[in-house]
């Protein structure tokens, strides 16, 4: 699993449109998934795995927002047992008082009318029900319920419905496993360098909230 969420954010620190504070403290616009005739937010970013392998395919938005460090919103759908990419939208700037957008699907994934996300193996994390706690950072907010779907090379497998307590237990287990990896140690070192006055406990809490899209996508349990 590519550790794209945190590393991609850090590359934006040098952009004039964003500051370190904005990157660290802004809730993110999620990708979207169509499931069972409904559209949901998707709290992991499966396209980041593909873009880490194919960086020349990363779409370029006309404007960069601190609320969307990726620069795009990917649209997915579960079709039969496949995880399909249905669109990739990028902002084109303000038109009057409306934010414009265009499809970049053909730029990101050229040459195929039906794109199955074969590069992605991991968990899809889908919030369901009302938001119970807002966290102004990444995908840190909490919801009443969650749908967790395992995917293997683009093929959709087991699905679980979790209440908030069960999801919190899963999230803790996932983060504890993530803390044992070289990627966590690298992320901790980077975050510590960005804010050297921050305590180790606060840096860990920051990573718990900010890197949730990365560690929750990993199939740990």
N, C-alpha and C. Protein backbone atom coordinates (compact mmCIF):
# COMPACT_ATOMS: atom_id res chain seq x y z
N UNK A 1 0.85 -1.20 0.00
CA UNK A 1 0.00 0.00 0.00
C UNK A 1 0.88 1.25 0.00
N UNK A 2 0.67 2.10 -0.95
CA UNK A 2 1.43 3.35 -1.01
C UNK A 2 1.01 4.27 0.13
N UNK A 3 2.01 4.87 0.77
CA UNK A 3 1.72 5.81 1.85
C UNK A 3 1.54 7.19 1.25
N UNK A 4 0.47 7.35 0.46
CA UNK A 4 0.31 8.55 -0.33
C UNK A 4 -0.26 9.73 0.39
N UNK A 5 -1.13 9.53 1.35
CA UNK A 5 -1.88 10.63 1.97
C UNK A 5 -0.94 11.66 2.59
N UNK A 6 -0.07 11.19 3.47
CA UNK A 6 0.81 12.12 4.19
C UNK A 6 1.91 12.67 3.29
N UNK A 7 2.55 11.81 2.50
CA UNK A 7 3.65 12.27 1.65
C UNK A 7 3.17 13.26 0.60
N UNK A 8 2.01 13.03 0.01
CA UNK A 8 1.48 13.96 -0.98
C UNK A 8 1.22 15.32 -0.34
N UNK A 9 0.69 15.33 0.89
CA UNK A 9 0.42 16.59 1.57
C UNK A 9 1.71 17.37 1.81
N UNK A 10 2.77 16.69 2.20
CA UNK A 10 4.02 17.39 2.48
C UNK A 10 4.62 18.01 1.23
N UNK A 11 4.38 17.43 0.05
CA UNK A 11 4.91 18.02 -1.17
C UNK A 11 4.25 19.35 -1.48
N UNK A 12 3.08 19.60 -0.87
CA UNK A 12 2.37 20.85 -1.13
C UNK A 12 2.80 21.99 -0.22
N UNK A 13 3.62 21.70 0.77
CA UNK A 13 4.03 22.74 1.71
C UNK A 13 4.70 23.89 0.97
N UNK A 14 5.45 23.56 -0.07
CA UNK A 14 6.16 24.59 -0.81
C UNK A 14 5.31 25.36 -1.80
N UNK A 15 4.06 24.95 -2.01
CA UNK A 15 3.19 25.64 -2.97
C UNK A 15 2.69 26.96 -2.37
N UNK A 16 2.61 27.98 -3.15
CA UNK A 16 2.20 29.28 -2.64
C UNK A 16 0.75 29.27 -2.18
N UNK A 17 -0.06 28.34 -2.69
CA UNK A 17 -1.48 28.33 -2.33
C UNK A 17 -1.72 27.76 -0.94
N UNK A 18 -0.74 27.04 -0.37
CA UNK A 18 -0.95 26.35 0.89
C UNK A 18 0.14 26.69 1.88
N UNK A 19 -0.21 26.66 3.14
CA UNK A 19 0.77 26.79 4.21
C UNK A 19 0.81 25.49 4.99
N UNK A 20 1.85 25.33 5.81
CA UNK A 20 1.94 24.13 6.66
C UNK A 20 0.71 24.02 7.54
N UNK A 21 0.28 25.14 8.12
CA UNK A 21 -0.88 25.12 9.02
C UNK A 21 -2.13 24.66 8.29
N UNK A 22 -2.33 25.14 7.06
CA UNK A 22 -3.52 24.75 6.30
C UNK A 22 -3.52 23.26 5.99
N UNK A 23 -2.36 22.72 5.62
CA UNK A 23 -2.27 21.30 5.31
C UNK A 23 -2.54 20.46 6.55
N UNK A 24 -2.02 20.88 7.69
CA UNK A 24 -2.17 20.10 8.91
C UNK A 24 -3.55 20.22 9.52
N UNK A 25 -4.29 21.29 9.22
CA UNK A 25 -5.48 21.57 10.01
C UNK A 25 -6.75 21.74 9.17
N UNK A 26 -6.80 21.14 7.97
CA UNK A 26 -7.97 21.31 7.13
C UNK A 26 -8.60 19.96 6.83
N UNK A 27 -9.91 19.85 7.05
CA UNK A 27 -10.64 18.65 6.67
C UNK A 27 -10.61 18.53 5.15
N UNK A 28 -10.59 17.30 4.65
CA UNK A 28 -10.42 17.05 3.23
C UNK A 28 -11.71 16.64 2.54
N UNK A 29 -11.85 17.08 1.29
CA UNK A 29 -12.98 16.67 0.46
C UNK A 29 -12.75 15.22 0.04
N UNK A 30 -13.67 14.31 0.34
CA UNK A 30 -13.41 12.91 0.06
C UNK A 30 -13.72 12.53 -1.38
N UNK A 31 -13.22 11.37 -1.78
CA UNK A 31 -13.68 10.74 -3.01
C UNK A 31 -15.12 10.27 -2.80
N UNK A 32 -15.73 9.75 -3.87
CA UNK A 32 -17.14 9.36 -3.85
C UNK A 32 -17.27 7.93 -4.36
N UNK A 33 -18.20 7.16 -3.78
CA UNK A 33 -18.44 5.81 -4.25
C UNK A 33 -19.95 5.56 -4.35
N UNK A 34 -20.35 4.95 -5.45
CA UNK A 34 -21.75 4.52 -5.65
C UNK A 34 -21.86 3.07 -5.22
N UNK A 35 -22.79 2.82 -4.31
CA UNK A 35 -22.94 1.49 -3.73
C UNK A 35 -24.42 1.24 -3.47
N UNK A 36 -24.96 0.16 -4.01
CA UNK A 36 -26.36 -0.22 -3.78
C UNK A 36 -27.32 0.91 -4.10
N UNK A 37 -27.07 1.62 -5.19
CA UNK A 37 -27.98 2.67 -5.64
C UNK A 37 -27.86 3.98 -4.90
N UNK A 38 -26.86 4.12 -4.01
CA UNK A 38 -26.66 5.36 -3.26
C UNK A 38 -25.23 5.84 -3.46
N UNK A 39 -25.01 7.13 -3.25
CA UNK A 39 -23.67 7.69 -3.28
C UNK A 39 -23.21 7.98 -1.85
N UNK A 40 -21.98 7.62 -1.56
CA UNK A 40 -21.40 7.82 -0.25
C UNK A 40 -20.05 8.53 -0.39
N UNK A 41 -19.61 9.17 0.68
CA UNK A 41 -18.23 9.60 0.77
C UNK A 41 -17.35 8.37 0.93
N UNK A 42 -16.10 8.47 0.51
CA UNK A 42 -15.14 7.38 0.63
C UNK A 42 -13.93 7.91 1.37
N UNK A 43 -13.65 7.33 2.54
CA UNK A 43 -12.62 7.89 3.42
C UNK A 43 -11.25 7.26 3.24
N UNK A 44 -11.02 6.64 2.10
CA UNK A 44 -9.69 6.26 1.65
C UNK A 44 -9.59 6.71 0.19
N UNK A 45 -8.38 6.68 -0.37
CA UNK A 45 -8.16 7.21 -1.71
C UNK A 45 -7.49 6.16 -2.60
N UNK A 46 -8.26 5.23 -3.15
CA UNK A 46 -7.67 4.14 -3.94
C UNK A 46 -6.88 4.61 -5.15
N UNK A 47 -7.23 5.75 -5.73
CA UNK A 47 -6.52 6.22 -6.91
C UNK A 47 -5.08 6.62 -6.59
N UNK A 48 -4.80 6.97 -5.33
CA UNK A 48 -3.45 7.37 -4.96
C UNK A 48 -2.43 6.25 -5.18
N UNK A 49 -2.86 5.01 -5.04
CA UNK A 49 -1.96 3.88 -5.29
C UNK A 49 -1.54 3.88 -6.76
N UNK A 50 -2.51 4.04 -7.65
CA UNK A 50 -2.22 4.09 -9.09
C UNK A 50 -1.33 5.29 -9.42
N UNK A 51 -1.62 6.44 -8.83
CA UNK A 51 -0.86 7.65 -9.15
C UNK A 51 0.56 7.60 -8.60
N UNK A 52 0.76 6.88 -7.51
CA UNK A 52 2.12 6.69 -7.00
C UNK A 52 2.94 5.84 -7.99
N UNK A 53 2.27 4.91 -8.67
CA UNK A 53 2.93 4.07 -9.66
C UNK A 53 3.06 4.77 -11.01
N UNK A 54 2.17 5.75 -11.26
CA UNK A 54 2.13 6.45 -12.54
C UNK A 54 2.05 7.96 -12.30
N UNK A 55 3.09 8.56 -11.73
CA UNK A 55 3.01 9.97 -11.34
C UNK A 55 2.74 10.92 -12.51
N UNK A 56 3.10 10.51 -13.72
CA UNK A 56 2.85 11.37 -14.87
C UNK A 56 1.36 11.48 -15.20
N UNK A 57 0.54 10.62 -14.60
CA UNK A 57 -0.90 10.63 -14.85
C UNK A 57 -1.68 11.47 -13.82
N UNK A 58 -0.97 12.04 -12.84
CA UNK A 58 -1.68 12.84 -11.83
C UNK A 58 -2.33 14.04 -12.50
N UNK A 59 -3.64 14.23 -12.32
CA UNK A 59 -4.32 15.36 -12.97
C UNK A 59 -3.92 16.68 -12.33
N UNK A 60 -3.99 17.72 -13.10
CA UNK A 60 -3.63 19.06 -12.61
C UNK A 60 -4.88 19.94 -12.58
N UNK A 61 -5.25 20.36 -11.40
CA UNK A 61 -6.38 21.27 -11.25
C UNK A 61 -5.93 22.69 -11.58
N UNK A 62 -6.88 23.51 -12.00
CA UNK A 62 -6.57 24.91 -12.30
C UNK A 62 -6.32 25.72 -11.04
N UNK A 63 -6.83 25.23 -9.92
CA UNK A 63 -6.62 25.90 -8.64
C UNK A 63 -6.42 24.85 -7.57
N UNK A 64 -5.63 25.17 -6.55
CA UNK A 64 -5.37 24.25 -5.46
C UNK A 64 -6.06 24.75 -4.21
N UNK A 65 -6.73 23.84 -3.53
CA UNK A 65 -7.45 24.18 -2.32
C UNK A 65 -6.86 23.43 -1.15
N UNK A 66 -6.78 24.09 0.01
CA UNK A 66 -6.30 23.41 1.21
C UNK A 66 -7.27 22.33 1.66
N UNK A 67 -8.50 22.34 1.15
CA UNK A 67 -9.49 21.32 1.48
C UNK A 67 -9.42 20.12 0.54
N UNK A 68 -8.49 20.17 -0.43
CA UNK A 68 -8.33 19.03 -1.33
C UNK A 68 -6.88 18.98 -1.80
N UNK A 69 -6.00 18.42 -0.96
CA UNK A 69 -4.59 18.33 -1.29
C UNK A 69 -4.34 17.46 -2.50
N UNK A 70 -5.26 16.51 -2.81
CA UNK A 70 -5.07 15.62 -3.95
C UNK A 70 -5.18 16.38 -5.27
N UNK A 71 -6.04 17.42 -5.28
CA UNK A 71 -6.27 18.16 -6.51
C UNK A 71 -7.34 17.56 -7.38
N UNK A 72 -8.01 16.52 -6.91
CA UNK A 72 -9.06 15.86 -7.69
C UNK A 72 -10.05 15.20 -6.74
N UNK A 73 -11.19 14.80 -7.28
CA UNK A 73 -12.14 13.93 -6.58
C UNK A 73 -12.40 12.74 -7.50
N UNK A 74 -12.02 11.56 -7.06
CA UNK A 74 -12.27 10.35 -7.84
C UNK A 74 -13.64 9.79 -7.50
N UNK A 75 -14.34 9.31 -8.53
CA UNK A 75 -15.65 8.70 -8.37
C UNK A 75 -15.53 7.21 -8.68
N UNK A 76 -15.98 6.40 -7.74
CA UNK A 76 -15.93 4.95 -7.89
C UNK A 76 -17.35 4.37 -7.84
N UNK A 77 -17.46 3.13 -8.29
CA UNK A 77 -18.73 2.40 -8.20
C UNK A 77 -18.43 0.93 -8.01
N UNK A 78 -19.24 0.25 -7.23
CA UNK A 78 -19.17 -1.20 -7.13
C UNK A 78 -20.13 -1.76 -8.16
N UNK A 79 -19.59 -2.41 -9.19
CA UNK A 79 -20.37 -2.96 -10.29
C UNK A 79 -20.12 -4.46 -10.33
N UNK A 80 -21.19 -5.23 -10.11
CA UNK A 80 -21.05 -6.67 -9.90
C UNK A 80 -20.07 -6.86 -8.74
N UNK A 81 -18.89 -7.41 -8.99
CA UNK A 81 -17.92 -7.55 -7.89
C UNK A 81 -16.66 -6.74 -8.17
N UNK A 82 -16.76 -5.77 -9.06
CA UNK A 82 -15.60 -4.96 -9.42
C UNK A 82 -15.68 -3.57 -8.80
N UNK A 83 -14.51 -3.04 -8.41
CA UNK A 83 -14.39 -1.64 -8.03
C UNK A 83 -14.00 -0.86 -9.28
N UNK A 84 -14.93 -0.06 -9.77
CA UNK A 84 -14.77 0.62 -11.06
C UNK A 84 -14.55 2.12 -10.82
N UNK A 85 -13.63 2.70 -11.58
CA UNK A 85 -13.44 4.15 -11.57
C UNK A 85 -14.39 4.74 -12.61
N UNK A 86 -15.36 5.53 -12.16
CA UNK A 86 -16.34 6.08 -13.10
C UNK A 86 -15.99 7.49 -13.56
N UNK A 87 -15.20 8.23 -12.78
CA UNK A 87 -14.80 9.58 -13.19
C UNK A 87 -13.69 10.06 -12.27
N UNK A 88 -12.96 11.05 -12.77
CA UNK A 88 -11.99 11.80 -11.96
C UNK A 88 -12.24 13.26 -12.27
N UNK A 89 -12.65 14.05 -11.27
CA UNK A 89 -13.02 15.44 -11.47
C UNK A 89 -11.96 16.36 -10.88
N UNK A 90 -11.63 17.43 -11.62
CA UNK A 90 -10.69 18.43 -11.12
C UNK A 90 -11.34 19.80 -11.21
N UNK A 91 -10.98 20.68 -10.29
CA UNK A 91 -11.53 22.03 -10.28
C UNK A 91 -10.95 22.85 -11.43
N UNK A 92 -11.80 23.72 -11.98
CA UNK A 92 -11.36 24.60 -13.07
C UNK A 92 -11.42 26.07 -12.68
N UNK A 93 -11.67 26.35 -11.39
CA UNK A 93 -11.74 27.74 -10.94
C UNK A 93 -13.17 28.24 -10.84
N UNK A 94 -13.29 29.45 -10.38
CA UNK A 94 -14.61 30.04 -10.16
C UNK A 94 -15.19 30.56 -11.47
N UNK A 95 -16.46 30.25 -11.69
CA UNK A 95 -17.23 30.82 -12.79
C UNK A 95 -18.39 31.57 -12.15
N UNK A 96 -18.26 32.91 -12.05
CA UNK A 96 -19.22 33.67 -11.27
C UNK A 96 -19.06 33.31 -9.81
N UNK A 97 -20.14 32.85 -9.19
CA UNK A 97 -20.07 32.44 -7.78
C UNK A 97 -20.08 30.92 -7.63
N UNK A 98 -19.84 30.19 -8.74
CA UNK A 98 -19.83 28.74 -8.71
C UNK A 98 -18.43 28.21 -9.02
N UNK A 99 -18.07 27.12 -8.37
CA UNK A 99 -16.80 26.47 -8.64
C UNK A 99 -16.98 25.49 -9.78
N UNK A 100 -16.22 25.67 -10.86
CA UNK A 100 -16.33 24.79 -12.01
C UNK A 100 -15.48 23.54 -11.85
N UNK A 101 -15.81 22.50 -12.61
CA UNK A 101 -15.05 21.25 -12.58
C UNK A 101 -15.14 20.60 -13.95
N UNK A 102 -14.15 19.76 -14.24
CA UNK A 102 -14.15 19.02 -15.50
C UNK A 102 -13.71 17.59 -15.23
N UNK A 103 -13.99 16.70 -16.18
CA UNK A 103 -13.54 15.33 -16.07
C UNK A 103 -12.11 15.21 -16.58
N UNK A 104 -11.27 14.52 -15.81
CA UNK A 104 -9.90 14.23 -16.21
C UNK A 104 -9.69 12.72 -16.35
N UNK A 105 -10.78 11.96 -16.47
CA UNK A 105 -10.68 10.50 -16.50
C UNK A 105 -9.80 10.02 -17.64
N UNK A 106 -9.97 10.60 -18.83
CA UNK A 106 -9.21 10.13 -19.98
C UNK A 106 -7.72 10.46 -19.86
N UNK A 107 -7.37 11.49 -19.09
CA UNK A 107 -5.97 11.83 -18.87
C UNK A 107 -5.33 10.89 -17.85
N UNK A 108 -6.10 10.56 -16.83
CA UNK A 108 -5.57 9.73 -15.75
C UNK A 108 -5.54 8.27 -16.15
N UNK A 109 -6.60 7.80 -16.80
CA UNK A 109 -6.74 6.39 -17.16
C UNK A 109 -7.14 6.29 -18.64
N UNK A 110 -6.21 6.54 -19.55
CA UNK A 110 -6.55 6.59 -20.97
C UNK A 110 -6.77 5.19 -21.56
N UNK A 111 -7.59 5.17 -22.60
CA UNK A 111 -7.68 3.97 -23.43
C UNK A 111 -8.62 2.90 -22.97
N UNK A 112 -9.48 3.18 -22.01
CA UNK A 112 -10.41 2.13 -21.54
C UNK A 112 -11.72 2.78 -21.13
N UNK A 113 -12.83 2.19 -21.61
CA UNK A 113 -14.15 2.72 -21.27
C UNK A 113 -14.59 2.28 -19.88
N UNK A 114 -14.11 1.13 -19.43
CA UNK A 114 -14.48 0.60 -18.11
C UNK A 114 -13.21 0.25 -17.37
N UNK A 115 -12.91 1.03 -16.34
CA UNK A 115 -11.64 0.89 -15.63
C UNK A 115 -11.88 0.25 -14.28
N UNK A 116 -11.36 -0.96 -14.09
CA UNK A 116 -11.41 -1.63 -12.79
C UNK A 116 -10.11 -1.30 -12.05
N UNK A 117 -10.25 -0.95 -10.79
CA UNK A 117 -9.10 -0.53 -9.97
C UNK A 117 -8.27 -1.74 -9.54
N UNK A 118 -7.65 -2.41 -10.52
CA UNK A 118 -6.90 -3.63 -10.24
C UNK A 118 -5.66 -3.37 -9.38
N UNK A 119 -5.22 -2.13 -9.33
CA UNK A 119 -4.03 -1.78 -8.54
C UNK A 119 -4.32 -1.71 -7.04
N UNK A 120 -5.62 -1.73 -6.67
CA UNK A 120 -5.96 -1.48 -5.26
C UNK A 120 -6.31 -2.77 -4.54
N UNK A 121 -5.58 -3.03 -3.46
CA UNK A 121 -5.91 -4.08 -2.51
C UNK A 121 -5.95 -3.42 -1.13
N UNK A 122 -7.10 -3.50 -0.48
CA UNK A 122 -7.22 -2.86 0.82
C UNK A 122 -8.66 -2.72 1.24
N UNK A 123 -8.88 -1.88 2.25
CA UNK A 123 -10.21 -1.62 2.78
C UNK A 123 -10.80 -0.36 2.15
N UNK A 124 -12.07 -0.43 1.78
CA UNK A 124 -12.85 0.77 1.49
C UNK A 124 -13.56 1.15 2.78
N UNK A 125 -13.43 2.40 3.19
CA UNK A 125 -14.04 2.90 4.42
C UNK A 125 -15.12 3.90 4.03
N UNK A 126 -16.36 3.57 4.34
CA UNK A 126 -17.51 4.36 3.88
C UNK A 126 -18.32 4.79 5.10
N UNK A 127 -18.40 6.08 5.40
CA UNK A 127 -19.22 6.53 6.53
C UNK A 127 -20.70 6.44 6.19
N UNK A 128 -21.50 6.12 7.19
CA UNK A 128 -22.95 5.97 7.01
C UNK A 128 -23.63 6.58 8.23
N UNK A 129 -24.76 7.21 8.02
CA UNK A 129 -25.46 7.84 9.13
C UNK A 129 -24.94 9.24 9.39
N UNK A 130 -25.28 9.79 10.54
CA UNK A 130 -24.95 11.19 10.84
C UNK A 130 -23.53 11.30 11.37
N UNK A 131 -22.93 12.49 11.20
CA UNK A 131 -21.63 12.77 11.79
C UNK A 131 -21.82 13.00 13.28
N UNK A 132 -21.02 12.31 14.09
CA UNK A 132 -21.15 12.43 15.55
C UNK A 132 -20.07 13.33 16.15
N UNK A 133 -18.96 13.52 15.42
CA UNK A 133 -17.86 14.35 15.92
C UNK A 133 -17.08 14.88 14.74
N UNK A 134 -16.91 16.21 14.69
CA UNK A 134 -16.18 16.83 13.58
C UNK A 134 -14.73 17.09 14.00
N UNK A 135 -13.80 16.64 13.17
CA UNK A 135 -12.38 16.91 13.36
C UNK A 135 -11.90 17.66 12.14
N UNK A 136 -11.36 18.85 12.36
CA UNK A 136 -10.96 19.72 11.25
C UNK A 136 -9.56 19.34 10.75
N UNK A 137 -9.44 18.08 10.32
CA UNK A 137 -8.15 17.58 9.87
C UNK A 137 -8.36 16.29 9.08
N UNK A 138 -7.92 16.27 7.82
CA UNK A 138 -7.98 15.05 7.03
C UNK A 138 -9.37 14.45 7.00
N UNK A 139 -9.44 13.14 7.27
CA UNK A 139 -10.72 12.43 7.38
C UNK A 139 -10.96 12.01 8.82
N UNK A 140 -10.63 12.87 9.75
CA UNK A 140 -10.68 12.51 11.16
C UNK A 140 -12.05 12.52 11.81
N UNK A 141 -13.05 13.09 11.14
CA UNK A 141 -14.39 13.15 11.74
C UNK A 141 -14.97 11.76 11.95
N UNK A 142 -15.91 11.66 12.89
CA UNK A 142 -16.53 10.37 13.21
C UNK A 142 -17.99 10.36 12.81
N UNK A 143 -18.49 9.16 12.48
CA UNK A 143 -19.87 8.99 12.02
C UNK A 143 -20.58 7.91 12.82
N UNK A 144 -21.89 7.90 12.66
CA UNK A 144 -22.74 6.98 13.41
C UNK A 144 -22.43 5.52 13.08
N UNK A 145 -22.22 5.23 11.80
CA UNK A 145 -21.97 3.86 11.34
C UNK A 145 -20.93 3.91 10.21
N UNK A 146 -20.40 2.72 9.91
CA UNK A 146 -19.44 2.60 8.82
C UNK A 146 -19.68 1.32 8.04
N UNK A 147 -19.41 1.36 6.76
CA UNK A 147 -19.35 0.18 5.92
C UNK A 147 -17.88 -0.04 5.57
N UNK A 148 -17.37 -1.23 5.84
CA UNK A 148 -15.98 -1.57 5.55
C UNK A 148 -16.00 -2.72 4.55
N UNK A 149 -15.40 -2.50 3.38
CA UNK A 149 -15.39 -3.49 2.31
C UNK A 149 -13.95 -3.82 1.95
N UNK A 150 -13.64 -5.11 1.94
CA UNK A 150 -12.30 -5.53 1.52
C UNK A 150 -12.26 -5.71 0.01
N UNK A 151 -11.15 -5.26 -0.58
CA UNK A 151 -10.95 -5.36 -2.02
C UNK A 151 -9.60 -6.03 -2.27
N UNK A 152 -9.56 -6.95 -3.21
CA UNK A 152 -8.32 -7.61 -3.60
C UNK A 152 -8.11 -7.43 -5.09
N UNK A 153 -7.12 -6.62 -5.46
CA UNK A 153 -6.80 -6.34 -6.87
C UNK A 153 -8.05 -5.92 -7.66
N UNK A 154 -8.84 -5.04 -7.05
CA UNK A 154 -10.02 -4.51 -7.71
C UNK A 154 -11.27 -5.34 -7.59
N UNK A 155 -11.18 -6.53 -6.99
CA UNK A 155 -12.34 -7.41 -6.82
C UNK A 155 -12.90 -7.22 -5.41
N UNK A 156 -14.18 -6.90 -5.34
CA UNK A 156 -14.82 -6.60 -4.06
C UNK A 156 -15.16 -7.90 -3.33
N UNK A 157 -14.79 -7.93 -2.04
CA UNK A 157 -15.02 -9.13 -1.25
C UNK A 157 -15.93 -8.87 -0.06
N UNK A 158 -15.45 -9.26 1.13
CA UNK A 158 -16.29 -9.22 2.33
C UNK A 158 -16.67 -7.79 2.69
N UNK A 159 -17.91 -7.67 3.19
CA UNK A 159 -18.44 -6.38 3.62
C UNK A 159 -18.88 -6.48 5.08
N UNK A 160 -18.53 -5.46 5.87
CA UNK A 160 -18.94 -5.41 7.27
C UNK A 160 -19.67 -4.09 7.55
N UNK A 161 -20.69 -4.17 8.41
CA UNK A 161 -21.38 -2.99 8.91
C UNK A 161 -20.94 -2.80 10.37
N UNK A 162 -20.34 -1.65 10.68
CA UNK A 162 -19.83 -1.42 12.02
C UNK A 162 -20.49 -0.21 12.65
N UNK A 163 -20.81 -0.32 13.95
CA UNK A 163 -21.25 0.88 14.66
C UNK A 163 -20.01 1.68 15.06
N UNK A 164 -20.22 2.83 15.66
CA UNK A 164 -19.11 3.72 15.96
C UNK A 164 -18.11 3.08 16.90
N UNK A 165 -18.58 2.37 17.92
CA UNK A 165 -17.67 1.74 18.87
C UNK A 165 -16.82 0.66 18.20
N UNK A 166 -17.47 -0.16 17.36
CA UNK A 166 -16.73 -1.21 16.66
C UNK A 166 -15.71 -0.61 15.69
N UNK A 167 -16.10 0.47 15.04
CA UNK A 167 -15.17 1.12 14.11
C UNK A 167 -14.00 1.74 14.87
N UNK A 168 -14.28 2.34 16.02
CA UNK A 168 -13.21 2.92 16.82
C UNK A 168 -12.20 1.85 17.24
N UNK A 169 -12.69 0.65 17.58
CA UNK A 169 -11.80 -0.45 17.95
C UNK A 169 -10.96 -0.89 16.75
N UNK A 170 -11.60 -0.96 15.57
CA UNK A 170 -10.88 -1.32 14.36
C UNK A 170 -9.83 -0.27 14.03
N UNK A 171 -10.20 0.99 14.16
CA UNK A 171 -9.27 2.07 13.85
C UNK A 171 -8.05 2.03 14.77
N UNK A 172 -8.28 1.78 16.05
CA UNK A 172 -7.16 1.68 16.99
C UNK A 172 -6.24 0.52 16.62
N UNK A 173 -6.82 -0.64 16.28
CA UNK A 173 -6.02 -1.80 15.91
C UNK A 173 -5.21 -1.51 14.64
N UNK A 174 -5.85 -0.84 13.68
CA UNK A 174 -5.15 -0.50 12.44
C UNK A 174 -3.98 0.45 12.71
N UNK A 175 -4.25 1.46 13.56
CA UNK A 175 -3.20 2.44 13.85
C UNK A 175 -2.07 1.80 14.64
N UNK A 176 -2.40 0.94 15.59
CA UNK A 176 -1.36 0.26 16.37
C UNK A 176 -0.47 -0.58 15.45
N UNK A 177 -1.07 -1.23 14.46
CA UNK A 177 -0.29 -2.01 13.50
C UNK A 177 0.56 -1.09 12.63
N UNK A 178 0.00 0.03 12.23
CA UNK A 178 0.72 1.00 11.41
C UNK A 178 1.94 1.54 12.15
N UNK A 179 1.81 1.71 13.46
CA UNK A 179 2.91 2.26 14.26
C UNK A 179 4.14 1.35 14.26
N UNK A 180 3.97 0.10 13.87
CA UNK A 180 5.10 -0.84 13.84
C UNK A 180 5.84 -0.83 12.51
N UNK A 181 5.40 0.02 11.56
CA UNK A 181 5.96 -0.02 10.21
C UNK A 181 7.01 1.07 9.99
N UNK A 182 7.91 0.86 9.01
CA UNK A 182 8.86 1.91 8.63
C UNK A 182 8.16 3.17 8.14
N UNK A 183 7.00 3.01 7.49
CA UNK A 183 6.27 4.18 6.99
C UNK A 183 5.84 5.09 8.13
N UNK A 184 5.41 4.49 9.24
CA UNK A 184 5.02 5.31 10.40
C UNK A 184 6.23 6.06 10.95
N UNK A 185 7.34 5.37 11.06
CA UNK A 185 8.53 6.03 11.60
C UNK A 185 8.96 7.19 10.70
N UNK A 186 8.84 6.99 9.40
CA UNK A 186 9.17 8.07 8.46
C UNK A 186 8.20 9.24 8.63
N UNK A 187 6.91 8.93 8.73
CA UNK A 187 5.90 9.98 8.90
C UNK A 187 6.10 10.73 10.21
N UNK A 188 6.41 9.99 11.27
CA UNK A 188 6.62 10.63 12.57
C UNK A 188 7.82 11.58 12.50
N UNK A 189 8.88 11.14 11.84
CA UNK A 189 10.07 11.99 11.72
C UNK A 189 9.77 13.24 10.92
N UNK A 190 9.03 13.10 9.83
CA UNK A 190 8.68 14.26 9.00
C UNK A 190 7.81 15.24 9.78
N UNK A 191 6.79 14.71 10.47
CA UNK A 191 5.90 15.58 11.24
C UNK A 191 6.67 16.28 12.35
N UNK A 192 7.60 15.60 12.97
CA UNK A 192 8.39 16.20 14.05
C UNK A 192 9.28 17.31 13.51
N UNK A 193 9.82 17.12 12.32
CA UNK A 193 10.65 18.17 11.72
C UNK A 193 9.82 19.40 11.38
N UNK A 194 8.57 19.18 10.95
CA UNK A 194 7.71 20.31 10.59
C UNK A 194 7.37 21.17 11.81
N UNK A 195 7.12 20.53 12.94
CA UNK A 195 6.79 21.27 14.17
C UNK A 195 7.69 20.72 15.29
N UNK A 196 8.92 21.16 15.38
CA UNK A 196 9.87 20.57 16.34
C UNK A 196 9.49 20.82 17.80
N UNK A 197 8.65 21.82 18.08
CA UNK A 197 8.25 22.10 19.46
C UNK A 197 7.10 21.22 19.93
N UNK A 198 6.52 20.44 19.03
CA UNK A 198 5.37 19.60 19.40
C UNK A 198 5.84 18.36 20.15
N UNK A 199 5.07 17.95 21.16
CA UNK A 199 5.43 16.77 21.94
C UNK A 199 5.22 15.51 21.10
N UNK A 200 5.88 14.43 21.52
CA UNK A 200 5.73 13.15 20.82
C UNK A 200 4.28 12.68 20.86
N UNK A 201 3.61 12.90 21.99
CA UNK A 201 2.21 12.48 22.12
C UNK A 201 1.32 13.26 21.16
N UNK A 202 1.58 14.57 21.01
CA UNK A 202 0.77 15.38 20.09
C UNK A 202 1.07 15.02 18.64
N UNK A 203 2.31 14.68 18.33
CA UNK A 203 2.65 14.24 16.97
C UNK A 203 1.94 12.94 16.64
N UNK A 204 1.91 12.01 17.59
CA UNK A 204 1.20 10.75 17.38
C UNK A 204 -0.30 11.00 17.18
N UNK A 205 -0.89 11.90 17.97
CA UNK A 205 -2.30 12.21 17.81
C UNK A 205 -2.58 12.83 16.45
N UNK A 206 -1.69 13.72 16.02
CA UNK A 206 -1.82 14.31 14.69
C UNK A 206 -1.83 13.23 13.61
N UNK A 207 -0.90 12.28 13.70
CA UNK A 207 -0.83 11.21 12.70
C UNK A 207 -2.05 10.29 12.78
N UNK A 208 -2.57 10.09 13.98
CA UNK A 208 -3.78 9.26 14.14
C UNK A 208 -4.93 9.86 13.34
N UNK A 209 -5.06 11.18 13.37
CA UNK A 209 -6.14 11.83 12.63
C UNK A 209 -5.79 12.06 11.16
N UNK A 210 -4.56 12.51 10.91
CA UNK A 210 -4.25 12.99 9.56
C UNK A 210 -3.97 11.87 8.58
N UNK A 211 -3.42 10.75 9.03
CA UNK A 211 -3.06 9.67 8.12
C UNK A 211 -4.10 8.55 8.10
N UNK A 212 -5.30 8.83 8.57
CA UNK A 212 -6.33 7.79 8.68
C UNK A 212 -6.61 7.14 7.32
N UNK A 213 -6.57 7.90 6.23
CA UNK A 213 -6.86 7.33 4.91
C UNK A 213 -5.82 6.29 4.53
N UNK A 214 -4.59 6.46 4.99
CA UNK A 214 -3.53 5.50 4.67
C UNK A 214 -3.62 4.24 5.51
N UNK A 215 -3.67 4.40 6.84
CA UNK A 215 -3.62 3.19 7.64
C UNK A 215 -4.92 2.41 7.67
N UNK A 216 -6.06 3.09 7.45
CA UNK A 216 -7.32 2.36 7.41
C UNK A 216 -7.49 1.58 6.10
N UNK A 217 -6.79 1.99 5.06
CA UNK A 217 -6.89 1.26 3.79
C UNK A 217 -6.16 -0.08 3.84
N UNK A 218 -5.22 -0.22 4.76
CA UNK A 218 -4.46 -1.45 4.85
C UNK A 218 -5.31 -2.55 5.47
N UNK A 219 -5.23 -3.75 4.92
CA UNK A 219 -5.95 -4.87 5.50
C UNK A 219 -5.10 -5.47 6.61
N UNK A 220 -5.48 -5.12 7.84
CA UNK A 220 -4.79 -5.65 9.02
C UNK A 220 -5.65 -6.68 9.70
N UNK A 221 -6.96 -6.32 9.84
CA UNK A 221 -7.88 -7.30 10.41
C UNK A 221 -9.28 -6.98 9.95
